[in-house]
């Protein structure tokens, strides 16, 4: 189905704001007040905006008709010395972002099922909730790719034994961004390796949330 650009922009702002605020909330819950002190424990989008990652890149992708809108916000900082178990807690802080996006997508799907009944007065808002599902699912799955600086890299580090986690963390800190750019580059018939891997996963989830309405 066609989703308006306005709804996609609103959906992206909601998705990235909730994503970053969730990182901050989890860090605060685990004992580190850094994000709270920096004003990141908020649902105000202005506190999380990055001019390139939150504005320019997503807008370019939206106007180019990209099936997946990706981007980033200012990273939420935390002090590992304030965490009881730095390796585990860093993974939990990272996981909180994608998890919050999947929760928003699930709630939006439930709303659609409840309001798309015949004669529903909320049917005019259906486009917004389709956009919320699409953007939140895309952002969650993209961020779970196990490469720094994405959340998936830190989650993977938290799952590995200490020695392997330390070695992989050093590698990803040095080469993670280069590896990510390589994965994003369209090498395979105009498609990137990331798109070949994650599009089918995203499609499966979207069909669960929106039966009979494939979006990609």
C-alpha atoms as a PDB file:
ATOM      1  CA  UNK A   1       0.000   0.000   0.000  1.00  0.00           C
ATOM      2  CA  UNK A   2       1.059   3.607  -0.537  1.00  0.00           C
ATOM      3  CA  UNK A   3       1.979   5.519   2.620  1.00  0.00           C
ATOM      4  CA  UNK A   4       2.252   9.305   2.513  1.00  0.00           C
ATOM      5  CA  UNK A   5       5.622  10.968   3.030  1.00  0.00           C
ATOM      6  CA  UNK A   6       4.205  12.937   5.966  1.00  0.00           C
ATOM      7  CA  UNK A   7       3.219   9.742   7.775  1.00  0.00           C
ATOM      8  CA  UNK A   8       6.632   8.196   7.080  1.00  0.00           C
ATOM      9  CA  UNK A   9       8.400  11.255   8.508  1.00  0.00           C
ATOM     10  CA  UNK A  10       6.185  11.246  11.600  1.00  0.00           C
ATOM     11  CA  UNK A  11       6.686   7.494  11.986  1.00  0.00           C
ATOM     12  CA  UNK A  12      10.452   7.865  11.762  1.00  0.00           C
ATOM     13  CA  UNK A  13      10.520  10.671  14.360  1.00  0.00           C
ATOM     14  CA  UNK A  14       8.439   8.573  16.755  1.00  0.00           C
ATOM     15  CA  UNK A  15      10.550   5.463  16.143  1.00  0.00           C
ATOM     16  CA  UNK A  16      13.936   7.081  16.652  1.00  0.00           C
ATOM     17  CA  UNK A  17      12.788   9.132  19.657  1.00  0.00           C
ATOM     18  CA  UNK A  18      11.376   6.099  21.461  1.00  0.00           C
ATOM     19  CA  UNK A  19      14.482   4.107  20.488  1.00  0.00           C
ATOM     20  CA  UNK A  20      16.923   6.574  22.045  1.00  0.00           C
ATOM     21  CA  UNK A  21      14.760   7.338  25.081  1.00  0.00           C
ATOM     22  CA  UNK A  22      14.614   3.596  25.749  1.00  0.00           C
ATOM     23  CA  UNK A  23      18.412   3.378  25.749  1.00  0.00           C
ATOM     24  CA  UNK A  24      18.462   6.233  28.265  1.00  0.00           C
ATOM     25  CA  UNK A  25      15.717   4.670  30.406  1.00  0.00           C
ATOM     26  CA  UNK A  26      17.481   1.317  30.594  1.00  0.00           C
ATOM     27  CA  UNK A  27      20.818   2.918  31.480  1.00  0.00           C
ATOM     28  CA  UNK A  28      19.089   4.906  34.217  1.00  0.00           C
ATOM     29  CA  UNK A  29      17.362   1.778  35.538  1.00  0.00           C
ATOM     30  CA  UNK A  30      20.700  -0.054  35.666  1.00  0.00           C
ATOM     31  CA  UNK A  31      22.245   2.634  37.829  1.00  0.00           C
ATOM     32  CA  UNK A  32      23.919   5.070  35.441  1.00  0.00           C
ATOM     33  CA  UNK A  33      22.530   8.651  35.608  1.00  0.00           C
ATOM     34  CA  UNK A  34      24.590   9.948  32.656  1.00  0.00           C
ATOM     35  CA  UNK A  35      21.744   9.968  30.120  1.00  0.00           C
ATOM     36  CA  UNK A  36      19.349  11.587  32.605  1.00  0.00           C
ATOM     37  CA  UNK A  37      21.910  14.292  33.402  1.00  0.00           C
ATOM     38  CA  UNK A  38      22.366  14.976  29.679  1.00  0.00           C
ATOM     39  CA  UNK A  39      18.618  15.406  29.135  1.00  0.00           C
ATOM     40  CA  UNK A  40      18.207  12.236  27.070  1.00  0.00           C
ATOM     41  CA  UNK A  41      15.579  10.596  29.295  1.00  0.00           C
ATOM     42  CA  UNK A  42      12.794  12.292  27.359  1.00  0.00           C
ATOM     43  CA  UNK A  43      10.359  11.762  24.487  1.00  0.00           C
ATOM     44  CA  UNK A  44      11.144  15.205  23.083  1.00  0.00           C
ATOM     45  CA  UNK A  45      12.585  14.500  19.588  1.00  0.00           C
ATOM     46  CA  UNK A  46      14.749  17.617  19.724  1.00  0.00           C
ATOM     47  CA  UNK A  47      16.860  16.060  22.474  1.00  0.00           C
ATOM     48  CA  UNK A  48      17.855  13.169  20.190  1.00  0.00           C
ATOM     49  CA  UNK A  49      18.156  14.751  16.722  1.00  0.00           C
ATOM     50  CA  UNK A  50      21.259  14.371  14.582  1.00  0.00           C
ATOM     51  CA  UNK A  51      21.207  16.636  11.532  1.00  0.00           C
ATOM     52  CA  UNK A  52      22.544  13.946   9.214  1.00  0.00           C
ATOM     53  CA  UNK A  53      21.209  10.700  10.668  1.00  0.00           C
ATOM     54  CA  UNK A  54      17.791  11.924  11.798  1.00  0.00           C
ATOM     55  CA  UNK A  55      17.033  14.497   9.109  1.00  0.00           C
ATOM     56  CA  UNK A  56      19.035  14.387   5.866  1.00  0.00           C
ATOM     57  CA  UNK A  57      19.610  10.652   5.311  1.00  0.00           C
ATOM     58  CA  UNK A  58      16.028   9.535   6.172  1.00  0.00           C
ATOM     59  CA  UNK A  59      14.500  12.327   4.059  1.00  0.00           C
ATOM     60  CA  UNK A  60      16.652  11.364   1.078  1.00  0.00           C
ATOM     61  CA  UNK A  61      15.639   7.706   1.454  1.00  0.00           C
ATOM     62  CA  UNK A  62      11.950   8.603   1.818  1.00  0.00           C
ATOM     63  CA  UNK A  63      11.909  10.832  -1.281  1.00  0.00           C
ATOM     64  CA  UNK A  64      13.862   8.240  -3.264  1.00  0.00           C
ATOM     65  CA  UNK A  65      11.147   5.709  -2.427  1.00  0.00           C
ATOM     66  CA  UNK A  66      13.414   3.388  -0.450  1.00  0.00           C
ATOM     67  CA  UNK A  67      11.448   0.442   0.995  1.00  0.00           C
ATOM     68  CA  UNK A  68      13.428   0.736   4.243  1.00  0.00           C
ATOM     69  CA  UNK A  69      14.133   4.016   5.991  1.00  0.00           C
ATOM     70  CA  UNK A  70      17.241   3.900   8.149  1.00  0.00           C
ATOM     71  CA  UNK A  71      18.999   6.552  10.153  1.00  0.00           C
ATOM     72  CA  UNK A  72      20.364   7.358  13.555  1.00  0.00           C
ATOM     73  CA  UNK A  73      20.167   9.863  16.368  1.00  0.00           C
ATOM     74  CA  UNK A  74      22.755  11.237  18.747  1.00  0.00           C
ATOM     75  CA  UNK A  75      24.075   8.204  20.641  1.00  0.00           C
ATOM     76  CA  UNK A  76      23.003   7.904  24.267  1.00  0.00           C
ATOM     77  CA  UNK A  77      26.114   7.989  26.410  1.00  0.00           C
ATOM     78  CA  UNK A  78      26.584   5.890  29.526  1.00  0.00           C
ATOM     79  CA  UNK A  79      29.394   5.340  32.021  1.00  0.00           C
ATOM     80  CA  UNK A  80      30.251   1.626  32.330  1.00  0.00           C
ATOM     81  CA  UNK A  81      31.773   2.269  35.775  1.00  0.00           C
ATOM     82  CA  UNK A  82      28.261   2.985  37.061  1.00  0.00           C
ATOM     83  CA  UNK A  83      26.994  -0.420  35.900  1.00  0.00           C
ATOM     84  CA  UNK A  84      27.024  -3.488  38.148  1.00  0.00           C
ATOM     85  CA  UNK A  85      27.908  -5.801  35.245  1.00  0.00           C
ATOM     86  CA  UNK A  86      29.265  -3.587  32.407  1.00  0.00           C
ATOM     87  CA  UNK A  87      29.315  -6.243  29.644  1.00  0.00           C
ATOM     88  CA  UNK A  88      25.842  -7.589  30.363  1.00  0.00           C
ATOM     89  CA  UNK A  89      24.307  -4.205  31.168  1.00  0.00           C
ATOM     90  CA  UNK A  90      25.722  -2.586  28.024  1.00  0.00           C
ATOM     91  CA  UNK A  91      23.984  -5.313  26.019  1.00  0.00           C
ATOM     92  CA  UNK A  92      20.708  -4.654  27.852  1.00  0.00           C
ATOM     93  CA  UNK A  93      20.996  -0.924  27.210  1.00  0.00           C
ATOM     94  CA  UNK A  94      21.564  -1.624  23.512  1.00  0.00           C
ATOM     95  CA  UNK A  95      18.722  -4.157  23.324  1.00  0.00           C
ATOM     96  CA  UNK A  96      16.259  -1.666  24.824  1.00  0.00           C
ATOM     97  CA  UNK A  97      16.212   0.419  21.630  1.00  0.00           C
ATOM     98  CA  UNK A  98      15.194  -2.262  19.094  1.00  0.00           C
ATOM     99  CA  UNK A  99      12.876  -3.866  21.667  1.00  0.00           C
ATOM    100  CA  UNK A 100      11.006  -0.581  22.111  1.00  0.00           C
ATOM    101  CA  UNK A 101      10.562  -0.280  18.331  1.00  0.00           C
ATOM    102  CA  UNK A 102       9.057  -3.763  18.118  1.00  0.00           C
ATOM    103  CA  UNK A 103       6.704  -2.891  21.001  1.00  0.00           C
ATOM    104  CA  UNK A 104       5.538   0.254  19.153  1.00  0.00           C
ATOM    105  CA  UNK A 105       5.025  -1.794  15.980  1.00  0.00           C
ATOM    106  CA  UNK A 106       3.015  -4.405  17.906  1.00  0.00           C
ATOM    107  CA  UNK A 107       0.794  -1.775  19.554  1.00  0.00           C
ATOM    108  CA  UNK A 108       0.244  -0.106  16.163  1.00  0.00           C
ATOM    109  CA  UNK A 109      -0.744  -3.458  14.641  1.00  0.00           C
ATOM    110  CA  UNK A 110      -3.229  -4.062  17.467  1.00  0.00           C
ATOM    111  CA  UNK A 111      -4.680  -0.593  16.937  1.00  0.00           C
ATOM    112  CA  UNK A 112      -5.120  -1.289  13.225  1.00  0.00           C
ATOM    113  CA  UNK A 113      -6.944  -4.544  13.891  1.00  0.00           C
ATOM    114  CA  UNK A 114      -9.294  -2.804  16.317  1.00  0.00           C
ATOM    115  CA  UNK A 115      -9.998   0.265  14.201  1.00  0.00           C
ATOM    116  CA  UNK A 116     -10.161  -1.003  10.630  1.00  0.00           C
ATOM    117  CA  UNK A 117     -13.573  -2.525  11.204  1.00  0.00           C
ATOM    118  CA  UNK A 118     -16.321  -1.178   8.931  1.00  0.00           C
ATOM    119  CA  UNK A 119     -17.543   2.334   9.795  1.00  0.00           C
ATOM    120  CA  UNK A 120     -14.662   2.912  12.221  1.00  0.00           C
ATOM    121  CA  UNK A 121     -14.147   6.632  12.836  1.00  0.00           C
ATOM    122  CA  UNK A 122     -10.373   6.073  13.190  1.00  0.00           C
ATOM    123  CA  UNK A 123      -9.850   4.609   9.722  1.00  0.00           C
ATOM    124  CA  UNK A 124      -8.433   7.952   8.513  1.00  0.00           C
ATOM    125  CA  UNK A 125      -5.459   7.379  10.820  1.00  0.00           C
ATOM    126  CA  UNK A 126      -4.665   3.966   9.387  1.00  0.00           C
ATOM    127  CA  UNK A 127      -1.873   5.347   7.174  1.00  0.00           C
ATOM    128  CA  UNK A 128      -0.043   6.688  10.203  1.00  0.00           C
ATOM    129  CA  UNK A 129      -0.161   3.324  11.936  1.00  0.00           C
ATOM    130  CA  UNK A 130       0.979   1.504   8.803  1.00  0.00           C
ATOM    131  CA  UNK A 131       3.928   3.916   8.750  1.00  0.00           C
ATOM    132  CA  UNK A 132       4.644   3.295  12.434  1.00  0.00           C
ATOM    133  CA  UNK A 133       4.722  -0.461  11.825  1.00  0.00           C
ATOM    134  CA  UNK A 134       6.935  -0.198   8.734  1.00  0.00           C
ATOM    135  CA  UNK A 135       9.483   2.225  10.177  1.00  0.00           C
ATOM    136  CA  UNK A 136       9.701   0.664  13.638  1.00  0.00           C
ATOM    137  CA  UNK A 137      10.155  -2.865  12.285  1.00  0.00           C
ATOM    138  CA  UNK A 138      12.772  -1.678   9.787  1.00  0.00           C
ATOM    139  CA  UNK A 139      14.673   0.316  12.408  1.00  0.00           C
ATOM    140  CA  UNK A 140      14.619  -2.554  14.919  1.00  0.00           C
ATOM    141  CA  UNK A 141      15.881  -5.224  12.515  1.00  0.00           C
ATOM    142  CA  UNK A 142      18.504  -2.928  10.992  1.00  0.00           C
ATOM    143  CA  UNK A 143      19.869  -2.054  14.441  1.00  0.00           C
ATOM    144  CA  UNK A 144      20.111  -5.728  15.411  1.00  0.00           C
ATOM    145  CA  UNK A 145      22.795  -6.333  12.769  1.00  0.00           C
ATOM    146  CA  UNK A 146      25.819  -7.376  14.895  1.00  0.00           C
ATOM    147  CA  UNK A 147      28.210  -4.653  13.763  1.00  0.00           C
ATOM    148  CA  UNK A 148      29.394  -1.507  15.571  1.00  0.00           C
ATOM    149  CA  UNK A 149      28.095   1.174  15.762  1.00  0.00           C
ATOM    150  CA  UNK A 150      24.693  -0.565  15.617  1.00  0.00           C
ATOM    151  CA  UNK A 151      23.030  -1.980  18.732  1.00  0.00           C
ATOM    152  CA  UNK A 152      23.508  -5.530  17.508  1.00  0.00           C
ATOM    153  CA  UNK A 153      27.267  -5.235  17.889  1.00  0.00           C
ATOM    154  CA  UNK A 154      27.022  -4.413  21.586  1.00  0.00           C
ATOM    155  CA  UNK A 155      24.392  -7.114  22.122  1.00  0.00           C
ATOM    156  CA  UNK A 156      26.686  -9.712  20.547  1.00  0.00           C
ATOM    157  CA  UNK A 157      29.587  -8.559  22.749  1.00  0.00           C
ATOM    158  CA  UNK A 158      27.386  -9.025  25.816  1.00  0.00           C
ATOM    159  CA  UNK A 159      26.550 -12.606  24.838  1.00  0.00           C
ATOM    160  CA  UNK A 160      30.105 -13.796  24.224  1.00  0.00           C
ATOM    161  CA  UNK A 161      32.591 -15.108  26.799  1.00  0.00           C
ATOM    162  CA  UNK A 162      34.888 -12.429  28.218  1.00  0.00           C
ATOM    163  CA  UNK A 163      37.985 -13.143  26.093  1.00  0.00           C
ATOM    164  CA  UNK A 164      36.096 -13.463  22.801  1.00  0.00           C
ATOM    165  CA  UNK A 165      33.965 -10.416  23.648  1.00  0.00           C
ATOM    166  CA  UNK A 166      37.084  -8.313  24.294  1.00  0.00           C
ATOM    167  CA  UNK A 167      38.757  -9.350  21.036  1.00  0.00           C
ATOM    168  CA  UNK A 168      35.625  -8.838  18.933  1.00  0.00           C
ATOM    169  CA  UNK A 169      34.945  -5.469  20.554  1.00  0.00           C
ATOM    170  CA  UNK A 170      38.429  -4.240  19.600  1.00  0.00           C
ATOM    171  CA  UNK A 171      37.928  -5.465  16.028  1.00  0.00           C
ATOM    172  CA  UNK A 172      34.486  -3.870  15.653  1.00  0.00           C
ATOM    173  CA  UNK A 173      35.630  -0.580  17.155  1.00  0.00           C
ATOM    174  CA  UNK A 174      38.371  -0.412  14.523  1.00  0.00           C
ATOM    175  CA  UNK A 175      36.584  -1.776  11.494  1.00  0.00           C
ATOM    176  CA  UNK A 176      32.870  -1.837  12.315  1.00  0.00           C
ATOM    177  CA  UNK A 177      31.944   1.312  10.400  1.00  0.00           C
ATOM    178  CA  UNK A 178      33.927   0.209   7.338  1.00  0.00           C
ATOM    179  CA  UNK A 179      32.241  -3.197   7.496  1.00  0.00           C
ATOM    180  CA  UNK A 180      28.820  -1.574   7.807  1.00  0.00           C
ATOM    181  CA  UNK A 181      29.448   0.663   4.786  1.00  0.00           C
ATOM    182  CA  UNK A 182      30.536  -2.392   2.802  1.00  0.00           C
ATOM    183  CA  UNK A 183      27.348  -4.225   3.797  1.00  0.00           C
ATOM    184  CA  UNK A 184      25.257  -1.203   2.762  1.00  0.00           C
ATOM    185  CA  UNK A 185      26.956  -0.766  -0.621  1.00  0.00           C
ATOM    186  CA  UNK A 186      24.864  -2.127  -3.550  1.00  0.00           C
ATOM    187  CA  UNK A 187      27.174  -4.831  -4.897  1.00  0.00           C
ATOM    188  CA  UNK A 188      24.755  -7.618  -5.824  1.00  0.00           C
ATOM    189  CA  UNK A 189      22.661  -6.582  -8.810  1.00  0.00           C
ATOM    190  CA  UNK A 190      21.979  -3.175  -7.303  1.00  0.00           C
ATOM    191  CA  UNK A 191      21.151  -4.646  -3.893  1.00  0.00           C
ATOM    192  CA  UNK A 192      23.269  -4.423  -0.751  1.00  0.00           C
ATOM    193  CA  UNK A 193      24.142  -7.522   1.238  1.00  0.00           C
ATOM    194  CA  UNK A 194      22.213  -6.097   4.195  1.00  0.00           C
ATOM    195  CA  UNK A 195      19.064  -5.664   2.104  1.00  0.00           C
ATOM    196  CA  UNK A 196      19.324  -9.245   0.804  1.00  0.00           C
ATOM    197  CA  UNK A 197      19.513 -10.531   4.389  1.00  0.00           C
ATOM    198  CA  UNK A 198      17.106  -8.289   6.291  1.00  0.00           C
ATOM    199  CA  UNK A 199      14.347  -7.606   3.726  1.00  0.00           C
ATOM    200  CA  UNK A 200      12.980 -11.177   3.953  1.00  0.00           C
ATOM    201  CA  UNK A 201      13.035 -10.982   7.768  1.00  0.00           C
ATOM    202  CA  UNK A 202      11.254  -7.629   7.740  1.00  0.00           C
ATOM    203  CA  UNK A 203       8.689  -8.924   5.254  1.00  0.00           C
ATOM    204  CA  UNK A 204       7.865 -11.910   7.469  1.00  0.00           C
ATOM    205  CA  UNK A 205       7.300  -9.624  10.461  1.00  0.00           C
ATOM    206  CA  UNK A 206       5.238  -7.153   8.433  1.00  0.00           C
ATOM    207  CA  UNK A 207       2.985  -9.938   7.182  1.00  0.00           C
ATOM    208  CA  UNK A 208       2.418 -11.032  10.772  1.00  0.00           C
ATOM    209  CA  UNK A 209       1.458  -7.497  11.745  1.00  0.00           C
ATOM    210  CA  UNK A 210      -0.460  -6.650   8.546  1.00  0.00           C
ATOM    211  CA  UNK A 211      -1.892  -9.874   7.051  1.00  0.00           C
ATOM    212  CA  UNK A 212      -2.684  -9.584   3.351  1.00  0.00           C
ATOM    213  CA  UNK A 213      -0.971  -6.224   3.089  1.00  0.00           C
ATOM    214  CA  UNK A 214       2.660  -6.726   2.019  1.00  0.00           C
ATOM    215  CA  UNK A 215       4.370  -3.358   2.259  1.00  0.00           C
ATOM    216  CA  UNK A 216       7.745  -4.083   0.702  1.00  0.00           C
END
